[in-house]
């Protein structure tokens, strides 16, 4: 999966009703939130460009077009994620810079927490 740019880190155990796409250390937050959501799938997408080189069949198996309730999480800019979450999806990311503090404080301040991810999902 990693060599294909994206893979299913947690497969849904009920009808698919949400896809959470995350990368890097944010995958842990996605997995935590999805643990109590049987219809949620977590996709780890460490490399968008590798994912884009995969067959249409593979991409559809990871991000089925039938599921439009999608959210992404990355401690980076959100612009690139709209391609994957679509017009109905949401992104959790960082569209600013210049904040300096210890890592855990920065991540909390920037919303890179499972609690914030869950609150965004709850608005969908």
N, C-alpha and C. Protein backbone atom coordinates (compact mmCIF):
# COMPACT_ATOMS: atom_id res chain seq x y z
N UNK A 1 0.78 -1.19 0.00
CA UNK A 1 0.00 0.00 0.00
C UNK A 1 0.83 1.27 0.00
N UNK A 2 1.85 1.33 0.84
CA UNK A 2 2.67 2.54 0.90
C UNK A 2 3.31 2.84 -0.44
N UNK A 3 3.76 1.81 -1.12
CA UNK A 3 4.41 1.99 -2.43
C UNK A 3 3.43 2.46 -3.50
N UNK A 4 2.15 2.38 -3.22
CA UNK A 4 1.14 2.86 -4.16
C UNK A 4 0.63 4.25 -3.77
N UNK A 5 1.20 4.82 -2.72
CA UNK A 5 0.87 6.19 -2.33
C UNK A 5 -0.27 6.31 -1.36
N UNK A 6 -1.14 5.31 -1.28
CA UNK A 6 -2.27 5.33 -0.34
C UNK A 6 -2.74 3.91 -0.12
N UNK A 7 -3.25 3.67 1.08
CA UNK A 7 -3.77 2.35 1.41
C UNK A 7 -4.80 2.47 2.52
N UNK A 8 -5.59 1.45 2.69
CA UNK A 8 -6.60 1.44 3.74
C UNK A 8 -5.92 1.02 5.05
N UNK A 9 -5.90 1.94 6.01
CA UNK A 9 -5.31 1.66 7.32
C UNK A 9 -6.33 1.03 8.25
N UNK A 10 -7.61 1.38 8.05
CA UNK A 10 -8.70 0.76 8.81
C UNK A 10 -9.88 0.63 7.88
N UNK A 11 -10.31 -0.59 7.67
CA UNK A 11 -11.47 -0.84 6.81
C UNK A 11 -12.73 -0.79 7.66
N UNK A 12 -13.77 -0.26 7.07
CA UNK A 12 -15.05 -0.18 7.76
C UNK A 12 -15.59 -1.58 8.04
N UNK A 13 -16.36 -1.71 9.11
CA UNK A 13 -16.96 -2.99 9.48
C UNK A 13 -18.47 -2.98 9.26
N UNK A 14 -18.98 -1.87 8.76
CA UNK A 14 -20.40 -1.72 8.41
C UNK A 14 -20.43 -1.02 7.05
N UNK A 15 -21.61 -0.63 6.60
CA UNK A 15 -21.70 0.10 5.34
C UNK A 15 -20.84 1.35 5.40
N UNK A 16 -20.05 1.55 4.35
CA UNK A 16 -19.15 2.69 4.29
C UNK A 16 -19.94 3.99 4.25
N UNK A 17 -19.71 4.86 5.24
CA UNK A 17 -20.39 6.15 5.24
C UNK A 17 -19.46 7.33 5.48
N UNK A 18 -18.17 7.07 5.68
CA UNK A 18 -17.20 8.14 5.91
C UNK A 18 -15.81 7.64 5.55
N UNK A 19 -15.05 8.50 4.89
CA UNK A 19 -13.63 8.21 4.64
C UNK A 19 -12.82 9.33 5.26
N UNK A 20 -11.89 8.94 6.12
CA UNK A 20 -10.94 9.88 6.72
C UNK A 20 -9.59 9.62 6.05
N UNK A 21 -9.05 10.64 5.41
CA UNK A 21 -7.76 10.53 4.72
C UNK A 21 -6.74 11.30 5.55
N UNK A 22 -5.65 10.66 5.89
CA UNK A 22 -4.64 11.32 6.70
C UNK A 22 -3.25 10.92 6.21
N UNK A 23 -2.28 11.66 6.68
CA UNK A 23 -0.91 11.37 6.31
C UNK A 23 0.00 11.60 7.50
N UNK A 24 1.09 10.87 7.55
CA UNK A 24 2.06 11.07 8.61
C UNK A 24 1.50 10.81 9.99
N UNK A 25 1.91 11.64 10.93
CA UNK A 25 1.51 11.44 12.32
C UNK A 25 0.02 11.66 12.55
N UNK A 26 -0.67 12.26 11.59
CA UNK A 26 -2.11 12.48 11.73
C UNK A 26 -2.92 11.19 11.57
N UNK A 27 -2.33 10.15 11.00
CA UNK A 27 -3.03 8.88 10.85
C UNK A 27 -3.46 8.34 12.21
N UNK A 28 -2.64 8.53 13.23
CA UNK A 28 -2.99 8.04 14.57
C UNK A 28 -4.28 8.69 15.06
N UNK A 29 -4.49 9.97 14.76
CA UNK A 29 -5.71 10.66 15.18
C UNK A 29 -6.91 10.12 14.41
N UNK A 30 -6.72 9.89 13.13
CA UNK A 30 -7.80 9.33 12.31
C UNK A 30 -8.22 7.96 12.82
N UNK A 31 -7.25 7.13 13.14
CA UNK A 31 -7.55 5.79 13.65
C UNK A 31 -8.27 5.85 14.99
N UNK A 32 -7.87 6.77 15.84
CA UNK A 32 -8.52 6.91 17.14
C UNK A 32 -9.98 7.31 16.98
N UNK A 33 -10.24 8.28 16.12
CA UNK A 33 -11.61 8.75 15.90
C UNK A 33 -12.45 7.65 15.26
N UNK A 34 -11.89 6.97 14.28
CA UNK A 34 -12.64 5.95 13.54
C UNK A 34 -12.89 4.68 14.34
N UNK A 35 -12.18 4.47 15.42
CA UNK A 35 -12.32 3.25 16.21
C UNK A 35 -13.75 3.01 16.67
N UNK A 36 -14.48 4.07 16.95
CA UNK A 36 -15.86 3.95 17.41
C UNK A 36 -16.88 4.21 16.31
N UNK A 37 -16.44 4.16 15.07
CA UNK A 37 -17.32 4.44 13.94
C UNK A 37 -17.26 3.27 12.96
N UNK A 38 -18.19 2.32 13.06
CA UNK A 38 -18.12 1.12 12.22
C UNK A 38 -18.16 1.39 10.72
N UNK A 39 -18.78 2.49 10.30
CA UNK A 39 -18.87 2.80 8.88
C UNK A 39 -17.74 3.65 8.36
N UNK A 40 -16.74 3.90 9.19
CA UNK A 40 -15.62 4.76 8.80
C UNK A 40 -14.44 3.96 8.27
N UNK A 41 -13.86 4.48 7.23
CA UNK A 41 -12.63 3.93 6.65
C UNK A 41 -11.54 4.97 6.85
N UNK A 42 -10.35 4.53 7.24
CA UNK A 42 -9.20 5.42 7.34
C UNK A 42 -8.23 5.07 6.22
N UNK A 43 -7.89 6.07 5.44
CA UNK A 43 -6.92 5.90 4.37
C UNK A 43 -5.67 6.68 4.73
N UNK A 44 -4.54 6.00 4.73
CA UNK A 44 -3.25 6.66 4.89
C UNK A 44 -2.76 7.00 3.48
N UNK A 45 -2.47 8.28 3.25
CA UNK A 45 -2.00 8.71 1.94
C UNK A 45 -0.67 9.44 2.10
N UNK A 46 0.43 8.66 2.19
CA UNK A 46 1.73 9.30 2.37
C UNK A 46 2.27 9.99 1.11
N UNK A 47 1.76 9.65 -0.06
CA UNK A 47 2.30 10.25 -1.28
C UNK A 47 1.22 10.38 -2.36
N UNK A 48 0.70 11.58 -2.52
CA UNK A 48 -0.35 11.83 -3.52
C UNK A 48 0.12 11.51 -4.93
N UNK A 49 1.35 11.87 -5.26
CA UNK A 49 1.83 11.65 -6.63
C UNK A 49 1.93 10.16 -6.96
N UNK A 50 2.34 9.33 -6.02
CA UNK A 50 2.36 7.88 -6.26
C UNK A 50 0.94 7.35 -6.41
N UNK A 51 0.04 7.82 -5.58
CA UNK A 51 -1.36 7.40 -5.66
C UNK A 51 -1.94 7.75 -7.04
N UNK A 52 -1.63 8.92 -7.52
CA UNK A 52 -2.16 9.36 -8.82
C UNK A 52 -1.67 8.49 -9.98
N UNK A 53 -0.56 7.80 -9.80
CA UNK A 53 -0.02 6.94 -10.86
C UNK A 53 -0.66 5.55 -10.89
N UNK A 54 -1.51 5.26 -9.92
CA UNK A 54 -2.13 3.94 -9.85
C UNK A 54 -3.30 3.84 -10.82
N UNK A 55 -3.72 2.62 -11.06
CA UNK A 55 -4.84 2.38 -11.97
C UNK A 55 -6.12 2.96 -11.39
N UNK A 56 -7.06 3.23 -12.26
CA UNK A 56 -8.37 3.74 -11.83
C UNK A 56 -9.03 2.74 -10.88
N UNK A 57 -8.84 1.46 -11.12
CA UNK A 57 -9.43 0.42 -10.28
C UNK A 57 -8.86 0.49 -8.86
N UNK A 58 -7.55 0.63 -8.77
CA UNK A 58 -6.93 0.71 -7.45
C UNK A 58 -7.42 1.95 -6.71
N UNK A 59 -7.42 3.09 -7.38
CA UNK A 59 -7.86 4.33 -6.74
C UNK A 59 -9.30 4.23 -6.27
N UNK A 60 -10.15 3.61 -7.07
CA UNK A 60 -11.55 3.44 -6.69
C UNK A 60 -11.69 2.49 -5.50
N UNK A 61 -10.79 1.50 -5.41
CA UNK A 61 -10.85 0.57 -4.27
C UNK A 61 -10.45 1.26 -2.96
N UNK A 62 -9.66 2.29 -3.04
CA UNK A 62 -9.20 3.02 -1.86
C UNK A 62 -10.18 4.13 -1.50
N UNK A 63 -10.56 4.91 -2.50
CA UNK A 63 -11.49 6.03 -2.30
C UNK A 63 -12.70 5.84 -3.20
N UNK A 64 -13.64 5.00 -2.82
CA UNK A 64 -14.81 4.75 -3.67
C UNK A 64 -15.61 6.03 -3.92
N UNK A 65 -15.91 6.28 -5.17
CA UNK A 65 -16.63 7.51 -5.53
C UNK A 65 -18.02 7.56 -4.92
N UNK A 66 -18.58 6.43 -4.56
CA UNK A 66 -19.92 6.40 -3.96
C UNK A 66 -19.96 7.04 -2.57
N UNK A 67 -18.82 7.11 -1.91
CA UNK A 67 -18.76 7.70 -0.57
C UNK A 67 -18.23 9.13 -0.69
N UNK A 68 -19.13 10.09 -0.55
CA UNK A 68 -18.74 11.50 -0.70
C UNK A 68 -18.52 12.20 0.64
N UNK A 69 -18.83 11.52 1.73
CA UNK A 69 -18.57 12.09 3.05
C UNK A 69 -17.12 11.78 3.40
N UNK A 70 -16.27 12.80 3.19
CA UNK A 70 -14.83 12.61 3.35
C UNK A 70 -14.22 13.77 4.10
N UNK A 71 -13.19 13.47 4.86
CA UNK A 71 -12.44 14.50 5.56
C UNK A 71 -10.97 14.13 5.50
N UNK A 72 -10.13 15.14 5.37
CA UNK A 72 -8.68 14.90 5.37
C UNK A 72 -8.06 15.59 6.58
N UNK A 73 -6.90 15.07 6.98
CA UNK A 73 -6.16 15.68 8.09
C UNK A 73 -4.68 15.61 7.79
N UNK A 74 -4.06 16.79 7.74
CA UNK A 74 -2.61 16.86 7.56
C UNK A 74 -2.12 18.16 8.17
N UNK A 75 -1.01 18.09 8.87
CA UNK A 75 -0.40 19.30 9.43
C UNK A 75 0.32 20.03 8.30
N UNK A 76 -0.44 20.42 7.30
CA UNK A 76 0.06 21.13 6.13
C UNK A 76 -1.10 21.85 5.47
N UNK A 77 -0.83 22.50 4.35
CA UNK A 77 -1.87 23.26 3.67
C UNK A 77 -2.99 22.36 3.18
N UNK A 78 -4.19 22.91 3.14
CA UNK A 78 -5.37 22.12 2.81
C UNK A 78 -5.70 22.08 1.33
N UNK A 79 -5.17 23.00 0.53
CA UNK A 79 -5.57 23.12 -0.87
C UNK A 79 -5.54 21.82 -1.66
N UNK A 80 -4.48 21.06 -1.51
CA UNK A 80 -4.33 19.83 -2.31
C UNK A 80 -5.35 18.76 -1.95
N UNK A 81 -5.91 18.82 -0.76
CA UNK A 81 -6.81 17.77 -0.29
C UNK A 81 -8.20 17.83 -0.91
N UNK A 82 -8.59 19.00 -1.44
CA UNK A 82 -9.93 19.10 -2.00
C UNK A 82 -10.13 18.17 -3.19
N UNK A 83 -9.06 17.81 -3.85
CA UNK A 83 -9.15 16.84 -4.95
C UNK A 83 -9.67 15.50 -4.44
N UNK A 84 -9.39 15.18 -3.20
CA UNK A 84 -9.77 13.88 -2.64
C UNK A 84 -11.01 13.94 -1.76
N UNK A 85 -11.27 15.06 -1.11
CA UNK A 85 -12.46 15.14 -0.27
C UNK A 85 -13.67 15.65 -1.05
N UNK A 86 -13.44 16.30 -2.17
CA UNK A 86 -14.54 16.78 -2.99
C UNK A 86 -15.22 18.01 -2.42
N UNK A 87 -16.26 18.45 -3.10
CA UNK A 87 -16.94 19.68 -2.71
C UNK A 87 -17.78 19.51 -1.44
N UNK A 88 -18.12 18.29 -1.10
CA UNK A 88 -18.90 18.04 0.11
C UNK A 88 -18.01 17.70 1.31
N UNK A 89 -16.72 17.54 1.07
CA UNK A 89 -15.81 17.13 2.13
C UNK A 89 -15.25 18.29 2.92
N UNK A 90 -14.50 17.95 3.94
CA UNK A 90 -13.87 18.95 4.81
C UNK A 90 -12.39 18.61 4.94
N UNK A 91 -11.62 19.63 5.26
CA UNK A 91 -10.19 19.42 5.49
C UNK A 91 -9.81 19.97 6.86
N UNK A 92 -8.91 19.27 7.51
CA UNK A 92 -8.31 19.75 8.75
C UNK A 92 -6.83 19.90 8.43
N UNK A 93 -6.36 21.11 8.47
CA UNK A 93 -4.98 21.36 8.10
C UNK A 93 -4.50 22.69 8.62
N UNK A 94 -3.38 23.14 8.07
CA UNK A 94 -2.74 24.36 8.54
C UNK A 94 -2.52 25.27 7.34
N UNK A 95 -3.25 26.36 7.31
CA UNK A 95 -3.09 27.32 6.22
C UNK A 95 -2.46 28.62 6.71
N UNK A 96 -1.62 28.49 7.71
CA UNK A 96 -0.89 29.63 8.22
C UNK A 96 0.49 29.16 8.68
N UNK A 97 1.33 30.09 9.02
CA UNK A 97 2.66 29.73 9.49
C UNK A 97 3.11 30.75 10.53
N UNK A 98 4.21 30.45 11.17
CA UNK A 98 4.80 31.39 12.11
C UNK A 98 4.52 31.12 13.57
N UNK A 99 3.86 30.00 13.88
CA UNK A 99 3.57 29.67 15.27
C UNK A 99 4.72 28.85 15.82
N UNK A 100 5.27 29.27 16.94
CA UNK A 100 6.41 28.58 17.52
C UNK A 100 6.16 28.25 18.98
N UNK A 101 6.32 26.99 19.31
CA UNK A 101 6.15 26.49 20.68
C UNK A 101 6.57 25.03 20.66
N UNK A 102 6.58 24.37 21.82
CA UNK A 102 6.84 22.92 21.82
C UNK A 102 5.83 22.19 20.92
N UNK A 103 6.26 21.11 20.32
CA UNK A 103 5.47 20.39 19.32
C UNK A 103 4.06 20.06 19.73
N UNK A 104 3.87 19.53 20.93
CA UNK A 104 2.51 19.15 21.34
C UNK A 104 1.59 20.36 21.46
N UNK A 105 2.14 21.48 21.90
CA UNK A 105 1.35 22.70 22.01
C UNK A 105 0.99 23.23 20.62
N UNK A 106 1.95 23.21 19.73
CA UNK A 106 1.70 23.67 18.35
C UNK A 106 0.61 22.82 17.71
N UNK A 107 0.72 21.51 17.82
CA UNK A 107 -0.26 20.63 17.19
C UNK A 107 -1.66 20.85 17.75
N UNK A 108 -1.77 21.03 19.06
CA UNK A 108 -3.07 21.29 19.66
C UNK A 108 -3.63 22.63 19.19
N UNK A 109 -2.79 23.64 19.21
CA UNK A 109 -3.22 24.99 18.78
C UNK A 109 -3.68 24.99 17.32
N UNK A 110 -3.04 24.17 16.50
CA UNK A 110 -3.38 24.12 15.07
C UNK A 110 -4.51 23.14 14.76
N UNK A 111 -5.05 22.50 15.79
CA UNK A 111 -6.19 21.60 15.57
C UNK A 111 -5.83 20.21 15.13
N UNK A 112 -4.59 19.82 15.29
CA UNK A 112 -4.16 18.49 14.89
C UNK A 112 -4.35 17.51 16.05
N UNK A 113 -5.62 17.34 16.45
CA UNK A 113 -5.97 16.46 17.56
C UNK A 113 -7.16 15.59 17.15
N UNK A 114 -7.31 14.43 17.78
CA UNK A 114 -8.48 13.61 17.49
C UNK A 114 -9.77 14.33 17.86
N UNK A 115 -9.74 15.12 18.91
CA UNK A 115 -10.95 15.84 19.33
C UNK A 115 -11.41 16.83 18.26
N UNK A 116 -10.47 17.55 17.69
CA UNK A 116 -10.84 18.50 16.64
C UNK A 116 -11.32 17.78 15.38
N UNK A 117 -10.64 16.70 15.02
CA UNK A 117 -11.08 15.92 13.86
C UNK A 117 -12.51 15.43 14.07
N UNK A 118 -12.81 14.92 15.24
CA UNK A 118 -14.16 14.43 15.54
C UNK A 118 -15.17 15.56 15.46
N UNK A 119 -14.83 16.74 15.95
CA UNK A 119 -15.76 17.86 15.90
C UNK A 119 -16.03 18.31 14.47
N UNK A 120 -15.03 18.23 13.61
CA UNK A 120 -15.24 18.54 12.19
C UNK A 120 -16.17 17.51 11.55
N UNK A 121 -15.93 16.24 11.84
CA UNK A 121 -16.79 15.17 11.31
C UNK A 121 -18.22 15.35 11.78
N UNK A 122 -18.39 15.74 13.01
CA UNK A 122 -19.74 15.93 13.56
C UNK A 122 -20.52 17.03 12.85
N UNK A 123 -19.84 17.93 12.17
CA UNK A 123 -20.54 19.01 11.42
C UNK A 123 -20.95 18.57 10.03
N UNK A 124 -20.56 17.39 9.64
CA UNK A 124 -20.84 16.94 8.28
C UNK A 124 -22.20 16.25 8.20
